[in-house]
C-alpha cells in the first residue's frame, strides 16, 4: 500500500461507475510495534477480502469503534492493516449473487466490517452477499448513512420493546445516555413514533438539543437513582432504552413499571451491575440485550424498512454534525473518543 494524499473537503466528485481498474483511496490503520499508524493509502481490489458483492462506497459514518481501532493495544481491531468503518452505504458495481443486482443501492454494517475485515472508510468495499440490505424505498443513501449503526441500534431496541408490548400512549419511555449517538437516535425515533420520551444525560448543556430531537423531558443521570435505601423504586417507566449500562442500568430496572422491559445496548457506564432479582420476579420486568453485530440479515432488513417509515427526513438531517473526506478523518476519530462529537459525522470516501 502506497501513501497517497486525499482531499479533506465535503464536496468532491460523484461516485464512479463500475469497478476500478487501478488504485483507490482508503483510510488504513496499521499496528507497528507499540504504536498505531493511520492515514490515507492507495489500495487495489486485490487488497480487499473475499465476498460476492463489490460496493462503491458513497457514504460511511464515524462510530466509536472506528476511533477505538486507532488506539495502541486496543482489543477491537483483529487484523492489521485494517480499513475501519463499521457501516457503509453504496452502489453495487459487481456481484456474483443474482439476488444482489449491479447498480442497486445497499447498506452493510456490523458482522466483521471495520474490525476483522476492511470496512467503509474506502472508496470500495467487498462484502458477502448475505450481509447486504437493500436501501429501503423512501430513504436516501445519505440519510441511511446518517442513521447508520447508531440508528439501527436505536431502531432495533424500539423494535424489540414493541414486540414485548410497548406502544405509544402506554407511558413514558426512558432513554439513557441520550446525548450519545445511539441515545440521540433513540430519542428522535421514539418521539417520531409518538412516544412520550424522557431523556437522561450526564451533559446538562445538551438539554435544548434533546428537546429539539423530541424529548418531552430531560433529566440528569443522578435523577435516575430514586429511594436507594429500598430494594425497588417507584414504577415510573413503561419501557427504556439503555445506552449506558452499569449502575444506570440497575437504576432503570428498579424503576420500571410492572411487565415493562429495558433494551440494553451500551456499557460506557460499566460492563457489570449489582442488584437483586426482585424487579424480575416481583414486577415481571425484562432485560432485552441488543446486539447489532450478529443480528440476522432478515431482521436487519425488517428493521431498516421500519426505519424508512418511522422518522422524517428532516429529523435525520438534523442529526448530522458534519461531513469529511478520508483525509479529514484522523481528527474526527480523536473527537469521537473524547466525546466531542454530537450527532453523526458522515464520511464521503469519494470526496
Protein backbone atom coordinates (compact mmCIF):
# COMPACT_ATOMS: atom_id res chain seq x y z
CA UNK A 1 0.00 0.00 0.00
CA UNK A 2 1.39 3.34 -1.06
CA UNK A 3 0.80 6.57 0.89
CA UNK A 4 -1.49 8.78 -1.12
CA UNK A 5 -2.86 12.27 -0.40
CA UNK A 6 -6.62 12.83 -0.32
CA UNK A 7 -8.93 15.83 -0.23
CA UNK A 8 -10.48 16.75 3.11
CA UNK A 9 -13.42 18.60 1.58
CA UNK A 10 -17.05 17.61 1.90
CA UNK A 11 -17.75 18.09 -1.81
CA UNK A 12 -15.82 16.14 -4.41
CA UNK A 13 -16.67 14.08 -7.45
CA UNK A 14 -19.70 11.88 -7.79
CA UNK A 15 -19.24 8.12 -7.34
CA UNK A 16 -17.53 6.41 -10.29
CA UNK A 17 -19.44 3.83 -12.31
CA UNK A 18 -18.04 0.30 -12.49
CA UNK A 19 -15.18 -1.43 -10.70
CA UNK A 20 -11.83 0.38 -10.57
CA UNK A 21 -9.03 -0.66 -12.88
CA UNK A 22 -6.37 0.84 -10.64
CA UNK A 23 -5.63 2.06 -7.11
CA UNK A 24 -8.27 3.77 -4.99
CA UNK A 25 -8.18 5.68 -1.69
CA UNK A 26 -8.67 4.10 1.71
CA UNK A 27 -8.07 5.18 5.30
CA UNK A 28 -5.79 2.47 6.70
CA UNK A 29 -4.83 1.71 10.31
CA UNK A 30 -1.68 -0.33 10.90
CA UNK A 31 -0.22 -1.62 14.18
CA UNK A 32 3.53 -1.01 14.25
CA UNK A 33 5.26 -2.28 17.40
CA UNK A 34 3.65 -0.37 20.29
CA UNK A 35 2.02 2.33 18.18
CA UNK A 36 -0.68 2.67 15.53
CA UNK A 37 -0.18 4.44 12.21
CA UNK A 38 -3.27 5.77 10.46
CA UNK A 39 -3.75 7.67 7.23
CA UNK A 40 -4.90 7.57 3.62
CA UNK A 41 -3.27 4.97 1.39
CA UNK A 42 -3.86 3.56 -2.07
CA UNK A 43 -5.35 0.07 -2.29
CA UNK A 44 -6.32 -2.17 -5.18
CA UNK A 45 -9.10 -4.73 -5.43
CA UNK A 46 -6.53 -7.42 -4.57
CA UNK A 47 -6.24 -5.88 -1.09
CA UNK A 48 -9.94 -6.41 -0.36
CA UNK A 49 -11.22 -9.55 1.41
CA UNK A 50 -13.27 -12.19 -0.41
CA UNK A 51 -17.00 -11.72 -0.92
CA UNK A 52 -19.67 -11.87 -3.59
CA UNK A 53 -20.53 -8.16 -3.72
CA UNK A 54 -18.26 -5.22 -4.60
CA UNK A 55 -19.67 -1.88 -3.45
CA UNK A 56 -18.63 1.63 -4.45
CA UNK A 57 -18.91 3.29 -1.03
CA UNK A 58 -20.84 6.54 -1.31
CA UNK A 59 -21.18 7.17 2.43
CA UNK A 60 -19.98 5.90 5.76
CA UNK A 61 -20.09 7.42 9.25
CA UNK A 62 -17.81 7.68 12.26
CA UNK A 63 -18.64 5.35 15.15
CA UNK A 64 -16.93 4.88 18.50
CA UNK A 65 -15.46 1.54 17.38
CA UNK A 66 -13.79 3.30 14.48
CA UNK A 67 -11.99 5.55 16.92
CA UNK A 68 -11.02 2.64 19.14
CA UNK A 69 -9.09 0.85 16.41
CA UNK A 70 -6.67 3.79 16.22
CA UNK A 71 -5.56 3.26 19.84
CA UNK A 72 -2.43 1.20 20.59
CA UNK A 73 -3.25 -2.08 22.29
CA UNK A 74 -6.96 -1.87 21.51
CA UNK A 75 -8.97 -5.10 21.55
CA UNK A 76 -11.31 -4.08 18.74
CA UNK A 77 -9.15 -4.43 15.62
CA UNK A 78 -8.47 -8.08 14.86
CA UNK A 79 -6.34 -7.62 11.74
CA UNK A 80 -3.58 -5.26 10.70
CA UNK A 81 -3.55 -3.39 8.41
CA UNK A 82 -7.25 -2.57 8.69
CA UNK A 83 -9.66 -0.23 6.92
CA UNK A 84 -12.08 0.95 9.66
CA UNK A 85 -15.71 1.86 9.06
CA UNK A 86 -18.27 -0.41 10.70
CA UNK A 87 -21.03 0.75 8.38
CA UNK A 88 -21.33 1.76 4.74
CA UNK A 89 -23.89 2.72 2.11
CA UNK A 90 -23.11 2.48 -1.56
CA UNK A 91 -23.80 1.20 -5.07
CA UNK A 92 -23.15 -2.37 -6.20
CA UNK A 93 -20.60 -2.37 -9.05
CA UNK A 94 -20.01 -6.14 -9.25
CA UNK A 95 -21.97 -9.09 -7.91
CA UNK A 96 -21.65 -12.86 -8.04
CA UNK A 97 -25.09 -13.30 -6.46
CA UNK A 98 -28.15 -12.89 -8.73
CA UNK A 99 -30.17 -11.65 -5.74
CA UNK A 100 -27.93 -8.55 -5.49
CA UNK A 101 -28.15 -6.60 -8.73
CA UNK A 102 -25.38 -4.42 -10.12
CA UNK A 103 -26.47 -0.80 -9.83
CA UNK A 104 -28.59 -1.35 -6.73
CA UNK A 105 -28.00 0.72 -3.59
CA UNK A 106 -27.24 -1.25 -0.45
CA UNK A 107 -26.43 -0.90 3.24
CA UNK A 108 -23.92 -3.04 5.16
CA UNK A 109 -22.92 -2.80 8.81
CA UNK A 110 -21.92 -4.97 11.75
CA UNK A 111 -20.60 -8.51 11.33
CA UNK A 112 -16.80 -8.13 10.90
CA UNK A 113 -16.80 -4.84 8.98
CA UNK A 114 -14.10 -2.46 10.16
CA UNK A 115 -12.96 -4.94 12.80
CA UNK A 116 -11.80 -8.21 11.23
CA UNK A 117 -12.13 -7.22 7.57
CA UNK A 118 -11.84 -3.96 5.65
CA UNK A 119 -14.81 -1.67 6.19
CA UNK A 120 -16.39 1.51 4.90
CA UNK A 121 -13.54 4.04 5.05
CA UNK A 122 -12.50 3.26 1.48
CA UNK A 123 -13.73 4.06 -1.98
CA UNK A 124 -14.61 0.39 -2.48
CA UNK A 125 -15.56 -2.48 -0.19
CA UNK A 126 -16.19 -6.15 -0.82
CA UNK A 127 -18.73 -7.98 1.37
CA UNK A 128 -20.59 -11.30 1.45
CA UNK A 129 -23.98 -11.16 -0.27
CA UNK A 130 -25.66 -12.29 2.95
CA UNK A 131 -24.55 -9.10 4.70
CA UNK A 132 -26.19 -6.53 2.44
CA UNK A 133 -29.53 -4.83 3.00
CA UNK A 134 -31.30 -3.14 0.07
CA UNK A 135 -31.68 0.60 0.56
CA UNK A 136 -35.36 0.94 1.54
CA UNK A 137 -37.70 2.92 -0.67
CA UNK A 138 -38.04 6.47 0.58
CA UNK A 139 -34.63 6.58 2.25
CA UNK A 140 -31.70 8.33 0.54
CA UNK A 141 -28.18 6.93 0.77
CA UNK A 142 -27.01 9.94 2.78
CA UNK A 143 -29.83 9.60 5.30
CA UNK A 144 -29.21 5.87 5.60
CA UNK A 145 -25.59 6.66 6.48
CA UNK A 146 -26.74 9.31 8.95
CA UNK A 147 -28.84 6.65 10.65
CA UNK A 148 -26.12 4.02 10.28
CA UNK A 149 -25.17 1.64 13.08
CA UNK A 150 -26.36 4.07 15.75
CA UNK A 151 -29.78 4.47 14.14
CA UNK A 152 -30.12 0.75 13.56
CA UNK A 153 -29.23 0.03 17.21
CA UNK A 154 -31.84 2.51 18.40
CA UNK A 155 -34.44 1.15 15.97
CA UNK A 156 -33.71 -2.47 16.92
CA UNK A 157 -34.13 -1.50 20.59
CA UNK A 158 -37.51 0.04 19.86
CA UNK A 159 -38.47 -2.87 17.60
CA UNK A 160 -37.76 -5.39 20.37
CA UNK A 161 -39.56 -3.29 23.01
CA UNK A 162 -42.65 -3.08 20.83
CA UNK A 163 -42.60 -6.84 20.32
CA UNK A 164 -42.54 -7.07 24.11
CA UNK A 165 -45.73 -5.00 24.24
CA UNK A 166 -44.64 -1.35 24.40
CA UNK A 167 -46.68 1.10 22.31
CA UNK A 168 -47.26 4.86 22.24
CA UNK A 169 -49.64 6.03 24.92
CA UNK A 170 -48.70 3.39 27.50
CA UNK A 171 -46.50 5.77 29.48
CA UNK A 172 -43.09 7.48 29.42
CA UNK A 173 -40.21 5.85 27.57
CA UNK A 174 -36.82 6.50 29.19
CA UNK A 175 -33.67 6.87 27.09
CA UNK A 176 -30.36 6.89 28.97
CA UNK A 177 -27.13 8.25 27.53
CA UNK A 178 -29.41 10.38 25.39
CA UNK A 179 -26.74 12.81 24.20
CA UNK A 180 -24.70 9.98 22.64
CA UNK A 181 -25.07 8.59 19.14
CA UNK A 182 -27.46 5.73 19.90
CA UNK A 183 -29.25 7.69 22.62
CA UNK A 184 -29.92 10.68 20.40
CA UNK A 185 -31.20 8.40 17.67
CA UNK A 186 -33.48 6.64 20.15
CA UNK A 187 -34.93 9.95 21.32
CA UNK A 188 -35.61 11.08 17.74
CA UNK A 189 -37.05 7.76 16.57
CA UNK A 190 -39.26 7.24 19.61
CA UNK A 191 -40.58 10.81 19.52
CA UNK A 192 -41.37 10.41 15.81
CA UNK A 193 -43.29 7.23 16.70
CA UNK A 194 -45.44 9.18 19.14
CA UNK A 195 -43.83 8.19 22.44
CA UNK A 196 -43.51 10.45 25.46
CA UNK A 197 -39.71 10.41 25.70
CA UNK A 198 -37.78 11.22 28.86
CA UNK A 199 -34.10 11.74 28.01
CA UNK A 200 -31.43 11.13 30.64
CA UNK A 201 -27.96 12.61 30.13
CA UNK A 202 -24.82 13.46 32.04
CA UNK A 203 -24.43 16.60 29.92
CA UNK A 204 -26.86 19.29 31.15
CA UNK A 205 -25.80 21.61 28.31
CA UNK A 206 -27.43 19.24 25.81
CA UNK A 207 -30.96 19.89 27.09
CA UNK A 208 -32.04 22.13 24.18
CA UNK A 209 -30.56 19.70 21.67
CA UNK A 210 -32.52 16.78 23.15
CA UNK A 211 -35.74 18.77 23.31
CA UNK A 212 -35.18 19.61 19.66
CA UNK A 213 -34.97 15.89 18.91
CA UNK A 214 -38.35 15.38 20.54
CA UNK A 215 -37.72 14.72 24.24
CA UNK A 216 -40.66 15.85 26.39
CA UNK A 217 -38.43 15.99 29.47
CA UNK A 218 -34.67 15.96 30.10
CA UNK A 219 -33.28 14.70 33.41
CA UNK A 220 -29.79 14.24 34.81
CA UNK A 221 -28.11 10.90 35.29
CA UNK A 222 -28.27 11.37 39.06
CA UNK A 223 -32.07 11.75 38.87
CA UNK A 224 -32.40 8.07 37.98
CA UNK A 225 -31.36 6.89 41.45
CA UNK A 226 -34.58 7.12 43.50
CA UNK A 227 -35.05 5.73 47.04
CA UNK A 228 -31.69 3.89 47.03
CA UNK A 229 -32.40 2.54 50.53
CA UNK A 230 -35.26 0.45 49.10
CA UNK A 231 -34.99 -2.76 47.09
CA UNK A 232 -37.41 -1.38 44.49
CA UNK A 233 -38.03 2.19 43.43
CA UNK A 234 -41.29 3.71 42.20
CA UNK A 235 -42.82 2.34 38.99
CA UNK A 236 -42.00 5.13 36.52
CA UNK A 237 -41.17 3.85 33.06
CA UNK A 238 -43.32 1.98 30.55
CA UNK A 239 -40.08 0.99 28.84
CA UNK A 240 -36.48 2.07 28.49
CA UNK A 241 -33.62 2.19 26.02
CA UNK A 242 -30.38 1.99 27.99
CA UNK A 243 -27.19 3.10 26.25
CA UNK A 244 -25.04 3.28 29.40
CA UNK A 245 -25.07 0.06 31.43
CA UNK A 246 -23.52 -0.26 34.88
CA UNK A 247 -25.25 1.48 37.78
CA UNK A 248 -27.51 3.33 35.35
CA UNK A 249 -28.99 0.08 34.08
CA UNK A 250 -29.52 -1.10 37.66
CA UNK A 251 -31.36 2.15 38.48
CA UNK A 252 -33.59 1.73 35.42
CA UNK A 253 -34.52 -1.85 36.31
CA UNK A 254 -35.54 -0.78 39.82
CA UNK A 255 -37.99 1.80 38.43
CA UNK A 256 -39.64 0.01 35.51
CA UNK A 257 -43.39 -0.49 35.64
CA UNK A 258 -44.87 -3.94 36.08
CA UNK A 259 -44.26 -6.05 32.96
CA UNK A 260 -42.07 -3.43 31.30
CA UNK A 261 -38.72 -4.03 29.61
CA UNK A 262 -35.43 -2.26 29.04
CA UNK A 263 -33.44 -2.73 25.82
CA UNK A 264 -29.75 -2.53 26.75
CA UNK A 265 -27.02 -1.87 24.20
CA UNK A 266 -24.38 0.23 25.99
CA UNK A 267 -21.62 -0.28 28.53
CA UNK A 268 -19.91 3.09 28.77
CA UNK A 269 -21.03 3.16 32.42
CA UNK A 270 -19.56 -0.27 33.11
CA UNK A 271 -19.96 -3.85 31.94
CA UNK A 272 -21.30 -5.13 35.27
CA UNK A 273 -24.04 -4.07 37.68
CA UNK A 274 -25.32 -5.15 41.09
CA UNK A 275 -28.95 -5.57 42.05
CA UNK A 276 -31.45 -8.06 43.40
CA UNK A 277 -33.72 -10.32 41.37
CA UNK A 278 -36.81 -8.58 42.77
CA UNK A 279 -37.59 -6.46 39.68
CA UNK A 280 -37.61 -9.59 37.52
CA UNK A 281 -39.74 -11.67 39.89
CA UNK A 282 -41.96 -9.17 41.72
CA UNK A 283 -42.57 -6.81 38.78
CA UNK A 284 -42.01 -9.25 35.92
CA UNK A 285 -39.67 -6.86 34.13
CA UNK A 286 -37.43 -7.98 31.26
CA UNK A 287 -33.88 -7.16 30.22
CA UNK A 288 -33.51 -7.31 26.43
CA UNK A 289 -29.94 -7.48 25.17
CA UNK A 290 -29.39 -5.62 21.91
CA UNK A 291 -26.59 -6.89 19.67
CA UNK A 292 -26.19 -5.34 16.23
CA UNK A 293 -23.06 -7.22 15.16
CA UNK A 294 -24.66 -10.61 14.54
CA UNK A 295 -28.30 -9.62 14.04
CA UNK A 296 -29.72 -11.99 11.38
CA UNK A 297 -29.98 -10.31 8.00
CA UNK A 298 -33.75 -10.95 7.78
CA UNK A 299 -34.32 -8.93 10.94
CA UNK A 300 -31.91 -6.26 9.70
CA UNK A 301 -33.95 -5.83 6.55
CA UNK A 302 -37.19 -5.65 8.54
CA UNK A 303 -35.83 -3.01 10.90
CA UNK A 304 -34.37 -0.92 8.08
CA UNK A 305 -37.73 -0.97 6.31
CA UNK A 306 -39.35 0.23 9.53
CA UNK A 307 -36.71 2.95 9.89
CA UNK A 308 -37.58 4.34 6.48
CA UNK A 309 -41.17 4.85 7.66
CA UNK A 310 -40.54 5.86 11.26
CA UNK A 311 -38.55 9.04 11.11
CA UNK A 312 -38.97 12.13 8.88
CA UNK A 313 -36.04 13.02 6.65
CA UNK A 314 -35.57 16.46 8.20
CA UNK A 315 -35.18 14.86 11.62
CA UNK A 316 -32.43 12.60 10.24
CA UNK A 317 -30.71 15.57 8.62
CA UNK A 318 -30.74 17.41 11.95
CA UNK A 319 -28.69 14.60 13.48
CA UNK A 320 -25.76 15.20 11.11
CA UNK A 321 -22.91 17.15 12.69
CA UNK A 322 -20.82 17.40 9.51
CA UNK A 323 -19.10 15.62 6.63
CA UNK A 324 -15.46 14.79 5.93
CA UNK A 325 -13.45 13.07 3.23
CA UNK A 326 -10.93 10.35 4.05
CA UNK A 327 -8.18 12.91 4.54
CA UNK A 328 -10.15 14.63 7.28
CA UNK A 329 -10.84 11.51 9.33
CA UNK A 330 -7.95 11.48 11.80
CA UNK A 331 -9.06 14.46 13.95
CA UNK A 332 -12.69 13.31 13.88
CA UNK A 333 -11.67 9.90 15.23
CA UNK A 334 -9.90 11.70 18.08
CA UNK A 335 -13.00 13.81 18.71
CA UNK A 336 -15.37 10.85 18.97
CA UNK A 337 -13.12 9.15 21.53
CA UNK A 338 -13.00 12.39 23.53
CA UNK A 339 -16.79 12.78 23.46
CA UNK A 340 -16.64 15.91 21.32
CA UNK A 341 -18.92 14.61 18.54
CA UNK A 342 -22.63 15.29 18.93
CA UNK A 343 -24.88 13.57 16.44
CA UNK A 344 -23.42 11.92 13.35
CA UNK A 345 -20.27 12.72 11.42
CA UNK A 346 -20.58 11.43 7.86
CA UNK A 347 -17.71 10.22 5.69
CA UNK A 348 -17.56 10.59 1.90
CA UNK A 349 -14.78 8.29 0.67
CA UNK A 350 -15.04 9.76 -2.83
CA UNK A 351 -14.67 13.38 -1.70
